[in-house]
Amino acid sequence: MEIKSTVSAEQLLEGIWFRGETNGDAKVVERISELSDIVFEVVTQLSLLKDGLESRHEASAKDIQKEIEKLEKNLKEILGNVE
């Protein structure tokens, strides 16, 4: 069975804020860990797709590669600002 849904950043981040109490903040840590897993999986799959397109010459393959590279650049910039 295949289930598809559109998910917004707001929905993904729902409930993630500092609460100042141990149990509530532990749930926030758990949610952030889940998001980390999702982001890791997405980036990994896109990287594999990009690698698979390296020998392709079609314009659409090049477009896909460019978009993945833009995403990688944006992630590097964001993570560079966090450190």
PDB file of N, CA and C in Angstrom:
ATOM      1  N   MET A   1       0.849  -1.173   0.000  1.00  0.00           N
ATOM      2  CA  MET A   1       0.000   0.000   0.000  1.00  0.00           C
ATOM      3  C   MET A   1       0.894   1.236   0.000  1.00  0.00           C
ATOM      4  N   GLU A   2       0.564   2.185  -0.835  1.00  0.00           N
ATOM      5  CA  GLU A   2       1.327   3.415  -0.914  1.00  0.00           C
ATOM      6  C   GLU A   2       0.471   4.562  -0.395  1.00  0.00           C
ATOM      7  N   ILE A   3       1.026   5.310   0.530  1.00  0.00           N
ATOM      8  CA  ILE A   3       0.330   6.461   1.095  1.00  0.00           C
ATOM      9  C   ILE A   3       1.189   7.689   0.847  1.00  0.00           C
ATOM     10  N   LYS A   4       0.597   8.702   0.258  1.00  0.00           N
ATOM     11  CA  LYS A   4       1.325   9.938  -0.009  1.00  0.00           C
ATOM     12  C   LYS A   4       0.610  11.080   0.696  1.00  0.00           C
ATOM     13  N   SER A   5       1.405  12.012   1.173  1.00  0.00           N
ATOM     14  CA  SER A   5       0.840  13.164   1.850  1.00  0.00           C
ATOM     15  C   SER A   5       1.795  14.340   1.697  1.00  0.00           C
ATOM     16  N   THR A   6       1.255  15.521   1.671  1.00  0.00           N
ATOM     17  CA  THR A   6       2.068  16.724   1.667  1.00  0.00           C
ATOM     18  C   THR A   6       2.261  17.154   3.109  1.00  0.00           C
ATOM     19  N   VAL A   7       3.512  17.356   3.477  1.00  0.00           N
ATOM     20  CA  VAL A   7       3.834  17.730   4.850  1.00  0.00           C
ATOM     21  C   VAL A   7       4.565  19.063   4.821  1.00  0.00           C
ATOM     22  N   SER A   8       4.133  19.967   5.674  1.00  0.00           N
ATOM     23  CA  SER A   8       4.775  21.281   5.735  1.00  0.00           C
ATOM     24  C   SER A   8       5.839  21.296   6.832  1.00  0.00           C
ATOM     25  N   ALA A   9       6.725  22.262   6.748  1.00  0.00           N
ATOM     26  CA  ALA A   9       7.738  22.429   7.792  1.00  0.00           C
ATOM     27  C   ALA A   9       7.057  22.665   9.142  1.00  0.00           C
ATOM     28  N   GLU A  10       5.966  23.402   9.121  1.00  0.00           N
ATOM     29  CA  GLU A  10       5.205  23.667  10.341  1.00  0.00           C
ATOM     30  C   GLU A  10       4.759  22.361  11.004  1.00  0.00           C
ATOM     31  N   GLN A  11       4.264  21.442  10.202  1.00  0.00           N
ATOM     32  CA  GLN A  11       3.817  20.151  10.736  1.00  0.00           C
ATOM     33  C   GLN A  11       4.993  19.348  11.277  1.00  0.00           C
ATOM     34  N   LEU A  12       6.121  19.364  10.560  1.00  0.00           N
ATOM     35  CA  LEU A  12       7.296  18.623  11.021  1.00  0.00           C
ATOM     36  C   LEU A  12       7.841  19.173  12.328  1.00  0.00           C
ATOM     37  N   LEU A  13       7.706  20.474  12.507  1.00  0.00           N
ATOM     38  CA  LEU A  13       8.260  21.121  13.702  1.00  0.00           C
ATOM     39  C   LEU A  13       7.240  21.280  14.830  1.00  0.00           C
ATOM     40  N   GLU A  14       6.058  20.787  14.615  1.00  0.00           N
ATOM     41  CA  GLU A  14       4.994  20.899  15.618  1.00  0.00           C
ATOM     42  C   GLU A  14       5.445  20.310  16.954  1.00  0.00           C
ATOM     43  N   GLY A  15       5.294  21.080  18.008  1.00  0.00           N
ATOM     44  CA  GLY A  15       5.637  20.617  19.352  1.00  0.00           C
ATOM     45  C   GLY A  15       7.095  20.770  19.720  1.00  0.00           C
ATOM     46  N   ILE A  16       7.885  21.343  18.824  1.00  0.00           N
ATOM     47  CA  ILE A  16       9.307  21.493  19.111  1.00  0.00           C
ATOM     48  C   ILE A  16       9.575  22.915  19.602  1.00  0.00           C
ATOM     49  N   TRP A  17       9.730  23.019  20.906  1.00  0.00           N
ATOM     50  CA  TRP A  17      10.127  24.266  21.558  1.00  0.00           C
ATOM     51  C   TRP A  17      10.602  23.924  22.958  1.00  0.00           C
ATOM     52  N   PHE A  18      11.368  24.826  23.550  1.00  0.00           N
ATOM     53  CA  PHE A  18      11.875  24.611  24.905  1.00  0.00           C
ATOM     54  C   PHE A  18      10.739  24.783  25.895  1.00  0.00           C
ATOM     55  N   ARG A  19      10.550  23.776  26.720  1.00  0.00           N
ATOM     56  CA  ARG A  19       9.445  23.811  27.684  1.00  0.00           C
ATOM     57  C   ARG A  19       9.912  24.093  29.099  1.00  0.00           C
ATOM     58  N   GLY A  20      11.162  23.806  29.372  1.00  0.00           N
ATOM     59  CA  GLY A  20      11.687  24.077  30.705  1.00  0.00           C
ATOM     60  C   GLY A  20      11.330  23.026  31.733  1.00  0.00           C
ATOM     61  N   GLU A  21      10.837  21.890  31.293  1.00  0.00           N
ATOM     62  CA  GLU A  21      10.561  20.783  32.207  1.00  0.00           C
ATOM     63  C   GLU A  21      11.042  19.495  31.561  1.00  0.00           C
ATOM     64  N   THR A  22      11.605  18.632  32.372  1.00  0.00           N
ATOM     65  CA  THR A  22      12.354  17.473  31.898  1.00  0.00           C
ATOM     66  C   THR A  22      11.578  16.589  30.940  1.00  0.00           C
ATOM     67  N   ASN A  23      10.386  16.170  31.282  1.00  0.00           N
ATOM     68  CA  ASN A  23       9.627  15.246  30.420  1.00  0.00           C
ATOM     69  C   ASN A  23       9.257  15.879  29.087  1.00  0.00           C
ATOM     70  N   GLY A  24       8.798  17.111  29.118  1.00  0.00           N
ATOM     71  CA  GLY A  24       8.426  17.808  27.888  1.00  0.00           C
ATOM     72  C   GLY A  24       9.625  18.026  26.986  1.00  0.00           C
ATOM     73  N   ASP A  25      10.745  18.418  27.580  1.00  0.00           N
ATOM     74  CA  ASP A  25      11.948  18.652  26.787  1.00  0.00           C
ATOM     75  C   ASP A  25      12.518  17.339  26.254  1.00  0.00           C
ATOM     76  N   ALA A  26      12.344  16.247  26.974  1.00  0.00           N
ATOM     77  CA  ALA A  26      12.791  14.931  26.487  1.00  0.00           C
ATOM     78  C   ALA A  26      12.007  14.548  25.229  1.00  0.00           C
ATOM     79  N   LYS A  27      10.721  14.890  25.193  1.00  0.00           N
ATOM     80  CA  LYS A  27       9.917  14.621  23.993  1.00  0.00           C
ATOM     81  C   LYS A  27      10.402  15.463  22.812  1.00  0.00           C
ATOM     82  N   VAL A  28      10.813  16.691  23.108  1.00  0.00           N
ATOM     83  CA  VAL A  28      11.349  17.563  22.058  1.00  0.00           C
ATOM     84  C   VAL A  28      12.642  16.963  21.506  1.00  0.00           C
ATOM     85  N   VAL A  29      13.503  16.478  22.383  1.00  0.00           N
ATOM     86  CA  VAL A  29      14.751  15.839  21.952  1.00  0.00           C
ATOM     87  C   VAL A  29      14.446  14.637  21.062  1.00  0.00           C
ATOM     88  N   GLU A  30      13.456  13.860  21.446  1.00  0.00           N
ATOM     89  CA  GLU A  30      13.064  12.689  20.651  1.00  0.00           C
ATOM     90  C   GLU A  30      12.573  13.103  19.264  1.00  0.00           C
ATOM     91  N   ARG A  31      11.772  14.147  19.200  1.00  0.00           N
ATOM     92  CA  ARG A  31      11.248  14.626  17.906  1.00  0.00           C
ATOM     93  C   ARG A  31      12.378  15.134  17.020  1.00  0.00           C
ATOM     94  N   ILE A  32      13.337  15.858  17.622  1.00  0.00           N
ATOM     95  CA  ILE A  32      14.468  16.364  16.854  1.00  0.00           C
ATOM     96  C   ILE A  32      15.290  15.191  16.321  1.00  0.00           C
ATOM     97  N   SER A  33      15.451  14.170  17.115  1.00  0.00           N
ATOM     98  CA  SER A  33      16.165  12.968  16.673  1.00  0.00           C
ATOM     99  C   SER A  33      15.449  12.310  15.493  1.00  0.00           C
ATOM    100  N   GLU A  34      14.130  12.238  15.559  1.00  0.00           N
ATOM    101  CA  GLU A  34      13.343  11.682  14.449  1.00  0.00           C
ATOM    102  C   GLU A  34      13.522  12.518  13.189  1.00  0.00           C
ATOM    103  N   LEU A  35      13.495  13.842  13.339  1.00  0.00           N
ATOM    104  CA  LEU A  35      13.704  14.719  12.184  1.00  0.00           C
ATOM    105  C   LEU A  35      15.104  14.539  11.611  1.00  0.00           C
ATOM    106  N   SER A  36      16.075  14.364  12.472  1.00  0.00           N
ATOM    107  CA  SER A  36      17.441  14.121  12.028  1.00  0.00           C
ATOM    108  C   SER A  36      17.516  12.869  11.166  1.00  0.00           C
ATOM    109  N   ASP A  37      16.839  11.821  11.601  1.00  0.00           N
ATOM    110  CA  ASP A  37      16.809  10.576  10.831  1.00  0.00           C
ATOM    111  C   ASP A  37      16.180  10.782   9.457  1.00  0.00           C
ATOM    112  N   ILE A  38      15.099  11.538   9.420  1.00  0.00           N
ATOM    113  CA  ILE A  38      14.404  11.796   8.158  1.00  0.00           C
ATOM    114  C   ILE A  38      15.294  12.605   7.218  1.00  0.00           C
ATOM    115  N   VAL A  39      15.881  13.675   7.735  1.00  0.00           N
ATOM    116  CA  VAL A  39      16.742  14.527   6.908  1.00  0.00           C
ATOM    117  C   VAL A  39      17.928  13.722   6.393  1.00  0.00           C
ATOM    118  N   PHE A  40      18.534  12.910   7.246  1.00  0.00           N
ATOM    119  CA  PHE A  40      19.656  12.072   6.835  1.00  0.00           C
ATOM    120  C   PHE A  40      19.256  11.143   5.700  1.00  0.00           C
ATOM    121  N   GLU A  41      18.113  10.503   5.836  1.00  0.00           N
ATOM    122  CA  GLU A  41      17.638   9.565   4.810  1.00  0.00           C
ATOM    123  C   GLU A  41      17.367  10.283   3.486  1.00  0.00           C
ATOM    124  N   VAL A  42      16.750  11.446   3.552  1.00  0.00           N
ATOM    125  CA  VAL A  42      16.452  12.215   2.336  1.00  0.00           C
ATOM    126  C   VAL A  42      17.743  12.618   1.640  1.00  0.00           C
ATOM    127  N   VAL A  43      18.694  13.158   2.396  1.00  0.00           N
ATOM    128  CA  VAL A  43      19.952  13.598   1.804  1.00  0.00           C
ATOM    129  C   VAL A  43      20.716  12.411   1.227  1.00  0.00           C
ATOM    130  N   THR A  44      20.708  11.293   1.922  1.00  0.00           N
ATOM    131  CA  THR A  44      21.386  10.092   1.440  1.00  0.00           C
ATOM    132  C   THR A  44      20.777   9.613   0.124  1.00  0.00           C
ATOM    133  N   GLN A  45      19.457   9.545   0.054  1.00  0.00           N
ATOM    134  CA  GLN A  45      18.792   9.082  -1.169  1.00  0.00           C
ATOM    135  C   GLN A  45      19.036  10.040  -2.335  1.00  0.00           C
ATOM    136  N   LEU A  46      19.025  11.348  -2.061  1.00  0.00           N
ATOM    137  CA  LEU A  46      19.292  12.316  -3.127  1.00  0.00           C
ATOM    138  C   LEU A  46      20.739  12.219  -3.603  1.00  0.00           C
ATOM    139  N   SER A  47      21.643  11.968  -2.693  1.00  0.00           N
ATOM    140  CA  SER A  47      23.052  11.799  -3.055  1.00  0.00           C
ATOM    141  C   SER A  47      23.233  10.579  -3.958  1.00  0.00           C
ATOM    142  N   LEU A  48      22.543   9.503  -3.633  1.00  0.00           N
ATOM    143  CA  LEU A  48      22.602   8.301  -4.473  1.00  0.00           C
ATOM    144  C   LEU A  48      22.022   8.577  -5.863  1.00  0.00           C
ATOM    145  N   LEU A  49      20.929   9.319  -5.914  1.00  0.00           N
ATOM    146  CA  LEU A  49      20.335   9.697  -7.197  1.00  0.00           C
ATOM    147  C   LEU A  49      21.321  10.527  -8.008  1.00  0.00           C
ATOM    148  N   LYS A  50      21.922  11.524  -7.366  1.00  0.00           N
ATOM    149  CA  LYS A  50      22.900  12.376  -8.048  1.00  0.00           C
ATOM    150  C   LYS A  50      24.062  11.548  -8.595  1.00  0.00           C
ATOM    151  N   ASP A  51      24.588  10.639  -7.775  1.00  0.00           N
ATOM    152  CA  ASP A  51      25.685   9.780  -8.216  1.00  0.00           C
ATOM    153  C   ASP A  51      25.281   8.932  -9.420  1.00  0.00           C
ATOM    154  N   GLY A  52      24.063   8.460  -9.431  1.00  0.00           N
ATOM    155  CA  GLY A  52      23.573   7.636 -10.530  1.00  0.00           C
ATOM    156  C   GLY A  52      23.381   8.407 -11.827  1.00  0.00           C
ATOM    157  N   LEU A  53      23.315   9.719 -11.722  1.00  0.00           N
ATOM    158  CA  LEU A  53      23.099  10.560 -12.909  1.00  0.00           C
ATOM    159  C   LEU A  53      24.393  11.118 -13.488  1.00  0.00           C
ATOM    160  N   GLU A  54      25.516  10.857 -12.848  1.00  0.00           N
ATOM    161  CA  GLU A  54      26.784  11.450 -13.286  1.00  0.00           C
ATOM    162  C   GLU A  54      27.131  11.145 -14.739  1.00  0.00           C
ATOM    163  N   SER A  55      26.819   9.953 -15.198  1.00  0.00           N
ATOM    164  CA  SER A  55      27.168   9.585 -16.573  1.00  0.00           C
ATOM    165  C   SER A  55      26.055   9.910 -17.576  1.00  0.00           C
ATOM    166  N   ARG A  56      24.985  10.511 -17.112  1.00  0.00           N
ATOM    167  CA  ARG A  56      23.855  10.841 -17.997  1.00  0.00           C
ATOM    168  C   ARG A  56      24.091  12.197 -18.659  1.00  0.00           C
ATOM    169  N   HIS A  57      23.586  12.339 -19.878  1.00  0.00           N
ATOM    170  CA  HIS A  57      23.796  13.579 -20.630  1.00  0.00           C
ATOM    171  C   HIS A  57      22.487  14.302 -20.953  1.00  0.00           C
ATOM    172  N   GLU A  58      21.366  13.708 -20.578  1.00  0.00           N
ATOM    173  CA  GLU A  58      20.074  14.337 -20.844  1.00  0.00           C
ATOM    174  C   GLU A  58      19.938  15.635 -20.030  1.00  0.00           C
ATOM    175  N   ALA A  59      19.243  16.591 -20.615  1.00  0.00           N
ATOM    176  CA  ALA A  59      19.030  17.875 -19.934  1.00  0.00           C
ATOM    177  C   ALA A  59      18.294  17.686 -18.612  1.00  0.00           C
ATOM    178  N   SER A  60      17.337  16.790 -18.587  1.00  0.00           N
ATOM    179  CA  SER A  60      16.578  16.573 -17.352  1.00  0.00           C
ATOM    180  C   SER A  60      17.461  15.993 -16.243  1.00  0.00           C
ATOM    181  N   ALA A  61      18.406  15.139 -16.614  1.00  0.00           N
ATOM    182  CA  ALA A  61      19.343  14.586 -15.626  1.00  0.00           C
ATOM    183  C   ALA A  61      20.214  15.697 -15.064  1.00  0.00           C
ATOM    184  N   LYS A  62      20.657  16.591 -15.941  1.00  0.00           N
ATOM    185  CA  LYS A  62      21.475  17.738 -15.513  1.00  0.00           C
ATOM    186  C   LYS A  62      20.667  18.653 -14.588  1.00  0.00           C
ATOM    187  N   ASP A  63      19.381  18.852 -14.906  1.00  0.00           N
ATOM    188  CA  ASP A  63      18.513  19.681 -14.058  1.00  0.00           C
ATOM    189  C   ASP A  63      18.375  19.087 -12.663  1.00  0.00           C
ATOM    190  N   ILE A  64      18.201  17.781 -12.606  1.00  0.00           N
ATOM    191  CA  ILE A  64      18.079  17.100 -11.312  1.00  0.00           C
ATOM    192  C   ILE A  64      19.370  17.264 -10.520  1.00  0.00           C
ATOM    193  N   GLN A  65      20.494  17.056 -11.178  1.00  0.00           N
ATOM    194  CA  GLN A  65      21.787  17.215 -10.511  1.00  0.00           C
ATOM    195  C   GLN A  65      21.957  18.633  -9.963  1.00  0.00           C
ATOM    196  N   LYS A  66      21.600  19.627 -10.751  1.00  0.00           N
ATOM    197  CA  LYS A  66      21.726  21.029 -10.325  1.00  0.00           C
ATOM    198  C   LYS A  66      20.875  21.314  -9.094  1.00  0.00           C
ATOM    199  N   GLU A  67      19.662  20.794  -9.067  1.00  0.00           N
ATOM    200  CA  GLU A  67      18.785  21.024  -7.918  1.00  0.00           C
ATOM    201  C   GLU A  67      19.329  20.355  -6.654  1.00  0.00           C
ATOM    202  N   ILE A  68      19.851  19.152  -6.814  1.00  0.00           N
ATOM    203  CA  ILE A  68      20.449  18.459  -5.668  1.00  0.00           C
ATOM    204  C   ILE A  68      21.668  19.229  -5.179  1.00  0.00           C
ATOM    205  N   GLU A  69      22.478  19.734  -6.104  1.00  0.00           N
ATOM    206  CA  GLU A  69      23.652  20.520  -5.728  1.00  0.00           C
ATOM    207  C   GLU A  69      23.258  21.812  -5.015  1.00  0.00           C
ATOM    208  N   LYS A  70      22.156  22.446  -5.453  1.00  0.00           N
ATOM    209  CA  LYS A  70      21.653  23.640  -4.761  1.00  0.00           C
ATOM    210  C   LYS A  70      21.261  23.299  -3.334  1.00  0.00           C
ATOM    211  N   LEU A  71      20.563  22.177  -3.169  1.00  0.00           N
ATOM    212  CA  LEU A  71      20.161  21.741  -1.837  1.00  0.00           C
ATOM    213  C   LEU A  71      21.392  21.493  -0.967  1.00  0.00           C
ATOM    214  N   GLU A  72      22.384  20.806  -1.509  1.00  0.00           N
ATOM    215  CA  GLU A  72      23.618  20.528  -0.759  1.00  0.00           C
ATOM    216  C   GLU A  72      24.299  21.825  -0.343  1.00  0.00           C
ATOM    217  N   LYS A  73      24.364  22.786  -1.265  1.00  0.00           N
ATOM    218  CA  LYS A  73      24.981  24.083  -0.962  1.00  0.00           C
ATOM    219  C   LYS A  73      24.219  24.801   0.151  1.00  0.00           C
ATOM    220  N   ASN A  74      22.894  24.807   0.055  1.00  0.00           N
ATOM    221  CA  ASN A  74      22.074  25.458   1.078  1.00  0.00           C
ATOM    222  C   ASN A  74      22.275  24.805   2.448  1.00  0.00           C
ATOM    223  N   LEU A  75      22.321  23.486   2.465  1.00  0.00           N
ATOM    224  CA  LEU A  75      22.538  22.780   3.730  1.00  0.00           C
ATOM    225  C   LEU A  75      23.901  23.119   4.322  1.00  0.00           C
ATOM    226  N   LYS A  76      24.928  23.163   3.481  1.00  0.00           N
ATOM    227  CA  LYS A  76      26.270  23.517   3.961  1.00  0.00           C
ATOM    228  C   LYS A  76      26.288  24.933   4.536  1.00  0.00           C
ATOM    229  N   GLU A  77      25.626  25.866   3.855  1.00  0.00           N
ATOM    230  CA  GLU A  77      25.569  27.249   4.346  1.00  0.00           C
ATOM    231  C   GLU A  77      24.856  27.324   5.689  1.00  0.00           C
ATOM    232  N   ILE A  78      23.723  26.649   5.783  1.00  0.00           N
ATOM    233  CA  ILE A  78      22.954  26.669   7.025  1.00  0.00           C
ATOM    234  C   ILE A  78      23.768  26.043   8.158  1.00  0.00           C
ATOM    235  N   LEU A  79      24.362  24.897   7.896  1.00  0.00           N
ATOM    236  CA  LEU A  79      25.133  24.214   8.930  1.00  0.00           C
ATOM    237  C   LEU A  79      26.397  24.977   9.286  1.00  0.00           C
ATOM    238  N   GLY A  80      26.972  25.678   8.333  1.00  0.00           N
ATOM    239  CA  GLY A  80      28.137  26.520   8.611  1.00  0.00           C
ATOM    240  C   GLY A  80      27.797  27.667   9.545  1.00  0.00           C
ATOM    241  N   ASN A  81      26.571  28.190   9.421  1.00  0.00           N
ATOM    242  CA  ASN A  81      26.132  29.278  10.286  1.00  0.00           C
ATOM    243  C   ASN A  81      25.759  28.799  11.683  1.00  0.00           C
ATOM    244  N   VAL A  82      25.452  27.520  11.820  1.00  0.00           N
ATOM    245  CA  VAL A  82      25.044  26.976  13.117  1.00  0.00           C
ATOM    246  C   VAL A  82      26.252  26.774  14.019  1.00  0.00           C
ATOM    247  N   GLU A  83      27.351  26.354  13.422  1.00  0.00           N
ATOM    248  CA  GLU A  83      28.549  26.048  14.213  1.00  0.00           C
ATOM    249  C   GLU A  83      29.089  27.260  14.807  1.00  0.00           C
TER     250      GLU A  83
END
